Amino acid sequence: MDRNVVIMFMECIYMKKIILLILSFFVITNVKAIELPKKTDHETVVIYLFRGKDCSHCHDALTWFSENLTRYEEYIEVRSYEVYQNQDNSILASNVADKMGKVLDGIPYIIVGDSYDQVGFKVTDGEKIIKAALKEYENEKYNDLVLETLAGMSGVHYDTLEEALELEGLKKGQGNAVV
């Protein structure tokens, strides 16, 4: 092979590597982080997670929150209610869904304030849930519908995110998704 052809071939490979490096830099730096709201004097906003023991989508939600909420812990907390083994928690979930004008037809059931709820969880939902919680954090009229619904109920028990992870045999921060 001609020496000049080899040199041109090597230069071409080198240029491709440089271009890929530059493009990857732009992709990484252009990932939009969720903007943090201005600190207020009220408590954190609660993301309520009604889940079932050994439910795979519930595991996905728990793991996702454990990986991504550290940045927002001054604003958001997660409370997890196990509904398969605690009938009172199941009744609470149904009552909350009813107040939201919905029929609870699956889990995980996730609710924030009195304006956001969803059944099911995909990793792509996580950012939307955090945005809803941060919006509620800034809302001067924030209403915690689950807390309101809890009034007068007994036998209801929630776990912190860390407790729920432990009960499900999961580890905090498994995976690498970041918001």
Foldseek 3Di string as FASTA:
>chain_A
DDPVVVVVVVVVVVVVVVVVVVVVVCVVVPPDDDDADDDDDDAAWEKEWEEEAPDVQSLVVLQLCLQECPVPVRHYWYKYFHCPVQVLSVVLVQVLCVQLVHGDDADRWIDTFNPDIDHTDDSVCVVVVVVVRSVLSPDPPGHRSSVVSCVPGPRTDIDTSCRVCVSNVHDRNPDHDYD
